Amino acid sequence: MRPEREGGGEAGELADAVRRLDDPLSDPLPGQHPSPWFRTAQEEPQAEPQRPEPEPEWYDPDGYATDWYGGAQGPSEAAPASSSAPAPGRPAPAPAPAPAPEPAFIPVRDDETVALRTADTRLALEPEPPVATGGRAERRKAAKRGGRRHAGAAPAEEETAADARPLSRVEARRAAKAAKPGAGVIASRAIGEVFITLGVLMLLFVTYQLWWSNIRAHNLAGSARDHLEDDWANGKGKPGTFEPGQGFAILYIPKLDVVVPIAEGISKTKVLDKGMVGHYDKDSIPTAMPDAKTGNFSLAGHRNTHGEPFRYINRLEPGDPIVVETQDKYYVYKMSSRLNQTPPSNTSVIDPIPTGSGFTKPGRYITLTTCTPEFTSTYRMIVWGKMVEERPRSKGKPDALVE
């Protein structure tokens, strides 16, 4: 209800205006304007005629045209109203044509931010396949194009389906035969395994030669020295001839910190490989013993591996002491000269008057021989010395050992 103003004429005009209005709360009749609260997005509210009289501030005649979710449509959006109200009894002017419907809202596709999609959103994002309007052949082509919109995924799906299919016996045999390695692959694998095995064996051999052989030789030489000293203390040993491999003296080289037993013979397995120094005896090239009045007391030892007692004899300088201890005496020699390299066949270096030593007459000499260069046996290195002191063990150690 709206308030009526005084005066019959105004009341009649107001009644006619009210009768011409559609009730927005009632269901529309066929052919009439539908209710604005249930209109579609394409439909727009029709413009209303301008009311001749001002309305109270509390009533909004265009309130039904408010878009509750998008904002109000002001009077400026509606068709312009007539400047004056129509006379009573006269028909209302024809409404202005409705504006063209706006296109339907299509959401922006954003696969990175949109977590869920409704059915309407998916329909808006994915265009539907075209509808074939021709004959049967055109409809088949359209259906085929619509079913293969994702052309990139079709081959993968077909391949997956083919892989899932069980193989026949012939196909299974062919697949098993193709999976077996060929003769070339087997041969290359065998050769590779052989090389790996040889490499491991060589590594083990080098480790044995450079590390384990020295440890073992030092243990054997130390045991032989202790056994020899015990025999001397018990009076079992006697100067004279000795059996091959039998220890009879101890060699000291103070500058090189060498203390090693001396055994009879130069056998590699019985003497040298056990970390001891060998004396050239009658079975090889006979040389004099330390207690001989004249002669050349000649010794041989390893320069590398198996205890390597002569590894650094190249560091000896003239005047450096070399001491030999026997059961009853100490024999002190002074280094006099060195021959850095000579063939193994040159046996004249251990003669009673050694060739190349600088000695010119008989005397009491000592000769040390070893292999050179290091880790090879191509040549021999020779070191000579001359006896300078003979001291009984009862008088104590010589000055060369005390210092």
Protein backbone atom coordinates (compact mmCIF):
# COMPACT_ATOMS: atom_id res chain seq x y z
CA MET A 1 0.00 0.00 0.00
CA ARG A 2 1.20 3.47 -0.73
CA PRO A 3 -0.25 6.66 0.79
CA GLU A 4 -2.85 8.45 -1.25
CA ARG A 5 -2.90 12.15 -1.65
CA GLU A 6 -5.78 14.42 -1.20
CA GLY A 7 -7.95 15.11 -4.22
CA GLY A 8 -10.08 12.80 -6.37
CA GLY A 9 -8.30 13.46 -9.64
CA GLU A 10 -4.95 12.53 -8.28
CA ALA A 11 -6.42 9.41 -6.67
CA GLY A 12 -7.87 8.28 -9.97
CA GLU A 13 -4.65 8.76 -11.84
CA LEU A 14 -2.77 6.89 -9.11
CA ALA A 15 -5.23 3.98 -9.28
CA ASP A 16 -4.83 3.75 -13.07
CA ALA A 17 -1.04 3.77 -12.69
CA VAL A 18 -1.19 1.00 -10.11
CA ARG A 19 -3.45 -1.12 -12.33
CA ARG A 20 -0.97 -0.77 -15.19
CA LEU A 21 1.92 -2.08 -13.08
CA ASP A 22 2.78 -5.78 -13.06
CA ASP A 23 2.88 -7.42 -9.70
CA PRO A 24 6.51 -8.62 -9.30
CA LEU A 25 5.51 -11.12 -6.61
CA SER A 26 2.98 -12.99 -8.70
CA ASP A 27 3.72 -15.67 -11.32
CA PRO A 28 3.67 -14.25 -14.86
CA LEU A 29 0.86 -15.18 -17.14
CA PRO A 30 1.57 -16.44 -20.64
CA GLY A 31 2.80 -13.63 -22.81
CA GLN A 32 3.54 -11.32 -19.89
CA HIS A 33 6.90 -10.18 -18.54
CA PRO A 34 8.39 -12.84 -16.20
CA SER A 35 9.32 -12.10 -12.62
CA PRO A 36 12.71 -10.31 -12.40
CA TRP A 37 13.85 -12.54 -9.54
CA PHE A 38 13.75 -15.61 -11.80
CA ARG A 39 14.76 -14.18 -15.16
CA THR A 40 17.60 -15.64 -17.18
CA ALA A 41 20.94 -13.98 -17.89
CA GLN A 42 19.88 -13.10 -21.45
CA GLU A 43 16.78 -11.27 -20.41
CA GLU A 44 16.88 -7.70 -19.25
CA PRO A 45 14.16 -5.84 -17.38
CA GLN A 46 11.87 -3.79 -19.56
CA ALA A 47 11.88 -0.10 -19.17
CA GLU A 48 8.98 1.32 -17.17
CA PRO A 49 7.17 4.50 -17.99
CA GLN A 50 7.99 7.59 -16.05
CA ARG A 51 5.64 8.10 -13.17
CA PRO A 52 4.06 11.52 -13.21
CA GLU A 53 4.22 12.05 -9.49
CA PRO A 54 7.29 11.92 -7.24
CA GLU A 55 7.35 8.96 -4.98
CA PRO A 56 8.27 8.82 -1.33
CA GLU A 57 11.90 8.29 -0.41
CA TRP A 58 11.18 4.90 1.14
CA TYR A 59 9.86 3.37 -2.10
CA ASP A 60 12.09 2.39 -5.02
CA PRO A 61 10.08 1.46 -8.08
CA ASP A 62 13.17 0.10 -9.81
CA GLY A 63 14.27 -2.03 -6.87
CA TYR A 64 13.08 -5.21 -8.52
CA ALA A 65 15.62 -4.58 -11.29
CA THR A 66 18.56 -4.81 -8.92
CA ASP A 67 21.04 -7.55 -9.78
CA TRP A 68 21.69 -9.10 -6.39
CA TYR A 69 24.99 -10.64 -7.42
CA GLY A 70 26.42 -8.12 -9.85
CA GLY A 71 25.34 -4.61 -8.83
CA ALA A 72 22.35 -2.35 -9.32
CA GLN A 73 21.07 -1.35 -12.69
CA GLY A 74 20.24 2.35 -12.39
CA PRO A 75 17.68 4.18 -14.27
CA SER A 76 20.35 5.21 -16.75
CA GLU A 77 20.45 1.65 -18.02
CA ALA A 78 16.72 1.50 -18.66
CA ALA A 79 15.03 3.01 -21.69
CA PRO A 80 14.27 6.75 -21.36
CA ALA A 81 10.85 7.41 -19.93
CA SER A 82 8.36 9.78 -21.50
CA SER A 83 8.40 13.39 -20.35
CA SER A 84 4.81 13.20 -19.12
CA ALA A 85 2.52 10.44 -17.88
CA PRO A 86 -0.10 9.19 -20.34
CA ALA A 87 -3.62 10.41 -19.94
CA PRO A 88 -6.06 8.19 -18.11
CA GLY A 89 -7.66 5.66 -20.40
CA ARG A 90 -5.04 5.98 -23.08
CA PRO A 91 -2.89 2.97 -23.89
CA ALA A 92 0.71 2.93 -22.62
CA PRO A 93 3.41 3.65 -25.19
CA ALA A 94 5.24 0.72 -26.67
CA PRO A 95 8.30 -0.25 -24.63
CA ALA A 96 11.74 0.36 -26.09
CA PRO A 97 13.44 -2.64 -27.69
CA ALA A 98 15.53 -4.70 -25.26
CA PRO A 99 19.33 -4.47 -25.70
CA ALA A 100 21.20 -7.36 -27.23
CA PRO A 101 21.93 -10.14 -24.71
CA GLU A 102 25.46 -10.23 -23.37
CA PRO A 103 27.54 -13.34 -24.14
CA ALA A 104 27.52 -16.06 -21.55
CA PHE A 105 30.36 -15.85 -19.03
CA ILE A 106 33.13 -18.33 -19.79
CA PRO A 107 35.63 -18.81 -16.92
CA VAL A 108 39.31 -18.34 -17.72
CA ARG A 109 41.15 -21.64 -17.88
CA ASP A 110 43.90 -21.73 -15.29
CA ASP A 111 45.17 -25.25 -14.62
CA GLU A 112 47.72 -24.08 -12.07
CA THR A 113 45.31 -22.31 -9.69
CA VAL A 114 41.90 -23.93 -10.20
CA ALA A 115 41.71 -26.94 -7.95
CA LEU A 116 38.15 -28.11 -8.61
CA ARG A 117 35.87 -27.61 -11.57
CA THR A 118 32.13 -27.98 -11.81
CA ALA A 119 30.32 -29.58 -14.70
CA ASP A 120 29.33 -26.15 -16.03
CA THR A 121 32.93 -24.96 -15.91
CA ARG A 122 34.20 -28.00 -17.77
CA LEU A 123 31.56 -27.57 -20.41
CA ALA A 124 32.55 -23.93 -20.81
CA LEU A 125 36.27 -24.81 -21.09
CA GLU A 126 35.97 -27.74 -23.46
CA PRO A 127 34.21 -26.93 -26.70
CA GLU A 128 31.81 -29.54 -27.86
CA PRO A 129 32.50 -31.35 -31.14
CA PRO A 130 30.71 -29.97 -34.17
CA VAL A 131 27.36 -31.45 -34.98
CA ALA A 132 27.22 -33.08 -38.38
CA THR A 133 24.30 -32.01 -40.47
CA GLY A 134 25.05 -33.93 -43.69
CA GLY A 135 24.58 -37.54 -44.61
CA ARG A 136 25.69 -40.74 -42.91
CA ALA A 137 29.30 -40.48 -44.12
CA GLU A 138 29.63 -36.93 -42.75
CA ARG A 139 28.19 -37.98 -39.41
CA ARG A 140 30.71 -40.83 -39.17
CA LYS A 141 33.60 -38.48 -39.93
CA ALA A 142 32.35 -35.99 -37.33
CA ALA A 143 32.04 -38.75 -34.71
CA LYS A 144 35.56 -39.95 -35.57
CA ARG A 145 36.98 -36.44 -35.23
CA GLY A 146 35.19 -35.92 -31.94
CA GLY A 147 36.48 -39.19 -30.50
CA ARG A 148 40.07 -38.32 -31.36
CA ARG A 149 40.31 -34.79 -30.10
CA HIS A 150 43.39 -35.79 -28.09
CA ALA A 151 45.38 -37.13 -31.01
CA GLY A 152 48.64 -37.30 -29.01
CA ALA A 153 47.19 -39.73 -26.46
CA ALA A 154 45.65 -42.12 -28.98
CA PRO A 155 48.90 -43.85 -30.05
CA ALA A 156 49.98 -44.28 -26.43
CA GLU A 157 46.62 -45.82 -25.53
CA GLU A 158 46.78 -48.15 -28.51
CA GLU A 159 50.35 -49.14 -27.59
CA THR A 160 49.32 -49.79 -23.99
CA ALA A 161 46.43 -51.91 -25.15
CA ALA A 162 48.75 -53.84 -27.48
CA ASP A 163 51.24 -54.43 -24.65
CA ALA A 164 48.51 -55.66 -22.36
CA ARG A 165 47.50 -58.28 -24.91
CA PRO A 166 48.98 -61.71 -24.03
CA LEU A 167 51.68 -62.95 -26.41
CA SER A 168 51.36 -66.09 -28.43
CA ARG A 169 53.91 -68.89 -28.17
CA VAL A 170 55.73 -67.80 -31.31
CA GLU A 171 55.89 -64.19 -30.13
CA ALA A 172 57.05 -65.27 -26.68
CA ARG A 173 59.84 -67.38 -28.19
CA ARG A 174 60.93 -64.52 -30.42
CA ALA A 175 60.95 -62.11 -27.48
CA ALA A 176 62.98 -64.52 -25.35
CA LYS A 177 65.46 -65.06 -28.18
CA ALA A 178 65.83 -61.32 -28.72
CA ALA A 179 66.47 -60.81 -24.99
CA LYS A 180 69.38 -63.28 -24.96
CA PRO A 181 72.83 -61.64 -25.40
CA GLY A 182 74.72 -62.36 -28.59
CA ALA A 183 78.11 -64.01 -28.97
CA GLY A 184 79.89 -60.66 -29.21
CA VAL A 185 78.35 -59.47 -25.95
CA ILE A 186 79.29 -62.70 -24.17
CA ALA A 187 82.87 -62.53 -25.50
CA SER A 188 83.28 -58.89 -24.43
CA ARG A 189 81.97 -59.72 -20.97
CA ALA A 190 84.39 -62.64 -20.64
CA ILE A 191 87.34 -60.51 -21.76
CA GLY A 192 86.35 -57.77 -19.33
CA GLU A 193 86.15 -60.25 -16.46
CA VAL A 194 89.59 -61.63 -17.37
CA PHE A 195 91.11 -58.15 -17.37
CA ILE A 196 89.47 -57.32 -14.05
CA THR A 197 90.77 -60.55 -12.53
CA LEU A 198 94.29 -59.90 -13.83
CA GLY A 199 94.19 -56.36 -12.46
CA VAL A 200 93.15 -57.61 -9.04
CA LEU A 201 95.88 -60.27 -9.07
CA MET A 202 98.52 -57.72 -10.05
CA LEU A 203 97.40 -55.40 -7.30
CA LEU A 204 97.61 -58.22 -4.77
CA PHE A 205 101.06 -59.19 -6.04
CA VAL A 206 102.37 -55.63 -5.75
CA THR A 207 100.94 -55.38 -2.26
CA TYR A 208 102.65 -58.62 -1.31
CA GLN A 209 106.00 -57.59 -2.79
CA LEU A 210 106.15 -54.06 -1.41
CA TRP A 211 104.50 -54.54 1.93
CA TRP A 212 103.92 -58.07 3.10
CA SER A 213 107.27 -59.49 1.92
CA ASN A 214 109.13 -56.87 3.96
CA ILE A 215 107.13 -57.63 7.08
CA ARG A 216 107.69 -61.36 6.70
CA ALA A 217 111.43 -60.94 5.95
CA HIS A 218 111.95 -58.68 8.95
CA ASN A 219 110.31 -61.22 11.20
CA LEU A 220 112.44 -64.08 9.82
CA ALA A 221 115.66 -62.05 10.01
CA GLY A 222 114.91 -60.96 13.57
CA SER A 223 114.23 -64.54 14.60
CA ALA A 224 117.49 -65.72 12.97
CA ARG A 225 119.46 -63.01 14.75
CA ASP A 226 117.97 -63.91 18.14
CA HIS A 227 118.74 -67.59 17.55
CA LEU A 228 122.33 -66.77 16.58
CA GLU A 229 122.93 -64.61 19.65
CA ASP A 230 121.49 -67.35 21.89
CA ASP A 231 123.91 -69.87 20.37
CA TRP A 232 126.82 -67.52 21.00
CA ALA A 233 125.75 -67.00 24.58
CA ASN A 234 125.53 -70.78 25.12
CA GLY A 235 128.87 -71.47 23.37
CA LYS A 236 127.33 -73.59 20.61
CA GLY A 237 128.69 -71.70 17.62
CA LYS A 238 132.29 -72.18 16.48
CA PRO A 239 134.24 -70.29 13.80
CA GLY A 240 134.93 -72.26 10.65
CA THR A 241 132.90 -73.54 7.71
CA PHE A 242 129.10 -73.30 7.75
CA GLU A 243 126.28 -75.06 5.99
CA PRO A 244 124.36 -73.20 3.23
CA GLY A 245 121.70 -71.02 4.82
CA GLN A 246 123.31 -71.15 8.26
CA GLY A 247 123.81 -67.82 10.01
CA PHE A 248 127.26 -67.08 11.39
CA ALA A 249 127.62 -63.26 11.76
CA ILE A 250 125.72 -59.95 12.08
CA LEU A 251 126.20 -56.94 9.79
CA TYR A 252 125.89 -53.36 11.11
CA ILE A 253 125.67 -50.23 8.94
CA PRO A 254 125.11 -47.44 11.53
CA LYS A 255 124.46 -44.67 8.98
CA LEU A 256 121.60 -46.64 7.40
CA ASP A 257 120.36 -48.14 10.69
CA VAL A 258 120.86 -51.64 9.29
CA VAL A 259 121.26 -54.66 11.60
CA VAL A 260 120.90 -57.93 9.69
CA PRO A 261 122.23 -61.49 10.10
CA ILE A 262 124.75 -62.92 7.62
CA ALA A 263 124.16 -66.46 6.35
CA GLU A 264 126.28 -68.78 4.23
CA GLY A 265 125.45 -68.76 0.52
CA ILE A 266 123.52 -66.43 -1.75
CA SER A 267 120.48 -68.67 -2.32
CA LYS A 268 117.44 -66.55 -3.03
CA THR A 269 114.93 -68.78 -1.29
CA LYS A 270 117.09 -69.96 1.63
CA VAL A 271 118.89 -66.71 2.45
CA LEU A 272 118.04 -63.53 0.54
CA ASP A 273 114.23 -63.81 0.54
CA LYS A 274 114.33 -64.34 4.31
CA GLY A 275 115.70 -60.84 4.81
CA MET A 276 119.29 -61.94 5.50
CA VAL A 277 122.54 -61.04 3.76
CA GLY A 278 124.34 -63.87 1.92
CA HIS A 279 128.06 -64.63 1.79
CA TYR A 280 129.55 -65.71 -1.56
CA ASP A 281 130.62 -69.28 -0.71
CA LYS A 282 132.15 -72.21 -2.52
CA ASP A 283 128.83 -73.10 -4.20
CA SER A 284 128.74 -69.72 -6.00
CA ILE A 285 132.01 -67.74 -6.08
CA PRO A 286 134.20 -68.50 -3.06
CA THR A 287 135.39 -65.43 -1.13
CA ALA A 288 137.35 -64.98 2.09
CA MET A 289 135.90 -64.92 5.61
CA PRO A 290 136.39 -61.88 7.88
CA ASP A 291 139.06 -63.61 9.96
CA ALA A 292 141.27 -64.30 6.92
CA LYS A 293 144.60 -62.49 6.88
CA THR A 294 144.01 -61.34 3.30
CA GLY A 295 141.00 -61.53 1.01
CA ASN A 296 137.72 -59.96 0.03
CA PHE A 297 134.72 -60.69 2.28
CA SER A 298 131.87 -60.30 -0.27
CA LEU A 299 128.15 -60.06 0.58
CA ALA A 300 124.87 -59.85 -1.42
CA GLY A 301 121.47 -58.55 -0.37
CA HIS A 302 118.12 -57.27 -1.73
CA ARG A 303 117.72 -53.62 -2.53
CA ASN A 304 113.91 -53.80 -2.78
CA THR A 305 111.37 -56.13 -1.13
CA HIS A 306 112.09 -59.04 1.22
CA GLY A 307 113.49 -56.83 3.94
CA GLU A 308 115.58 -54.74 1.46
CA PRO A 309 118.70 -54.45 3.70
CA PHE A 310 120.82 -52.84 0.93
CA ARG A 311 118.22 -50.37 -0.36
CA TYR A 312 120.16 -47.23 0.57
CA ILE A 313 123.78 -48.30 0.24
CA ASN A 314 124.10 -45.67 -2.49
CA ARG A 315 124.01 -43.11 0.34
CA LEU A 316 127.26 -44.36 1.90
CA GLU A 317 130.20 -42.00 1.67
CA PRO A 318 133.96 -42.72 2.06
CA GLY A 319 134.80 -43.16 5.75
CA ASP A 320 131.35 -44.43 6.83
CA PRO A 321 131.78 -47.48 9.14
CA ILE A 322 130.62 -51.00 8.25
CA VAL A 323 130.87 -53.51 11.16
CA VAL A 324 130.74 -57.33 11.10
CA GLU A 325 130.17 -59.16 14.40
CA THR A 326 131.09 -62.84 14.82
CA GLN A 327 131.04 -65.15 17.82
CA ASP A 328 134.33 -63.85 19.23
CA LYS A 329 135.27 -60.60 17.42
CA TYR A 330 134.14 -57.32 15.82
CA TYR A 331 135.55 -56.39 12.40
CA VAL A 332 135.34 -52.70 11.53
CA TYR A 333 135.60 -51.52 7.89
CA LYS A 334 135.60 -48.02 6.42
CA MET A 335 133.76 -47.41 3.14
CA SER A 336 136.29 -46.44 0.45
CA SER A 337 134.61 -46.39 -3.02
CA ARG A 338 131.45 -47.27 -4.97
CA LEU A 339 130.58 -48.51 -8.45
CA ASN A 340 127.08 -47.34 -9.32
CA GLN A 341 126.39 -49.76 -12.17
CA THR A 342 127.97 -52.87 -13.65
CA PRO A 343 126.66 -55.96 -15.46
CA PRO A 344 125.78 -59.01 -13.33
CA SER A 345 128.45 -61.01 -15.20
CA ASN A 346 131.28 -58.81 -13.86
CA THR A 347 132.58 -61.07 -11.11
CA SER A 348 135.94 -59.31 -10.92
CA VAL A 349 134.42 -56.87 -8.43
CA ILE A 350 134.65 -59.60 -5.74
CA ASP A 351 138.18 -60.75 -6.53
CA PRO A 352 140.75 -60.74 -3.68
CA ILE A 353 141.94 -57.44 -5.15
CA PRO A 354 138.66 -56.16 -6.64
CA THR A 355 138.75 -54.50 -10.02
CA GLY A 356 137.62 -50.88 -10.01
CA SER A 357 137.87 -50.48 -6.24
CA GLY A 358 141.12 -48.57 -6.29
CA PHE A 359 142.91 -51.24 -4.27
CA THR A 360 146.27 -52.24 -5.76
CA LYS A 361 147.61 -54.81 -3.35
CA PRO A 362 146.27 -57.64 -1.19
CA GLY A 363 144.46 -56.64 1.97
CA ARG A 364 141.39 -57.31 4.11
CA TYR A 365 138.48 -55.93 2.15
CA ILE A 366 134.67 -56.06 2.19
CA THR A 367 132.34 -55.84 -0.84
CA LEU A 368 128.57 -55.19 -0.78
CA THR A 369 126.58 -56.04 -3.95
CA THR A 370 122.92 -55.38 -4.80
CA CYS A 371 120.58 -54.87 -7.77
CA THR A 372 120.10 -51.56 -9.55
CA PRO A 373 118.08 -49.57 -10.63
CA GLU A 374 115.50 -49.96 -7.91
CA PHE A 375 112.80 -52.59 -8.43
CA THR A 376 114.85 -54.17 -11.23
CA SER A 377 117.75 -56.63 -11.50
CA THR A 378 119.28 -55.35 -14.74
CA TYR A 379 122.58 -54.21 -13.23
CA ARG A 380 124.58 -54.41 -9.98
CA MET A 381 125.74 -51.70 -7.60
CA ILE A 382 129.03 -52.28 -5.75
CA VAL A 383 130.33 -50.74 -2.51
CA TRP A 384 133.88 -51.47 -1.24
CA GLY A 385 135.46 -51.02 2.17
CA LYS A 386 138.75 -51.71 3.91
CA MET A 387 139.23 -53.20 7.39
CA VAL A 388 140.55 -50.70 9.92
CA GLU A 389 139.95 -52.51 13.25
CA GLU A 390 139.67 -56.02 14.67
CA ARG A 391 138.28 -56.05 18.21
CA PRO A 392 137.53 -59.00 20.53
CA ARG A 393 133.95 -59.09 21.81
CA SER A 394 135.28 -59.40 25.34
CA LYS A 395 136.49 -55.77 25.12
CA GLY A 396 133.04 -54.49 24.29
CA LYS A 397 131.60 -52.86 21.22
CA PRO A 398 133.74 -50.70 18.94
CA ASP A 399 133.32 -46.95 18.86
CA ALA A 400 131.42 -47.16 15.56
CA LEU A 401 128.57 -48.99 17.31
CA VAL A 402 128.74 -47.01 20.54
CA GLU A 403 128.34 -43.66 18.83
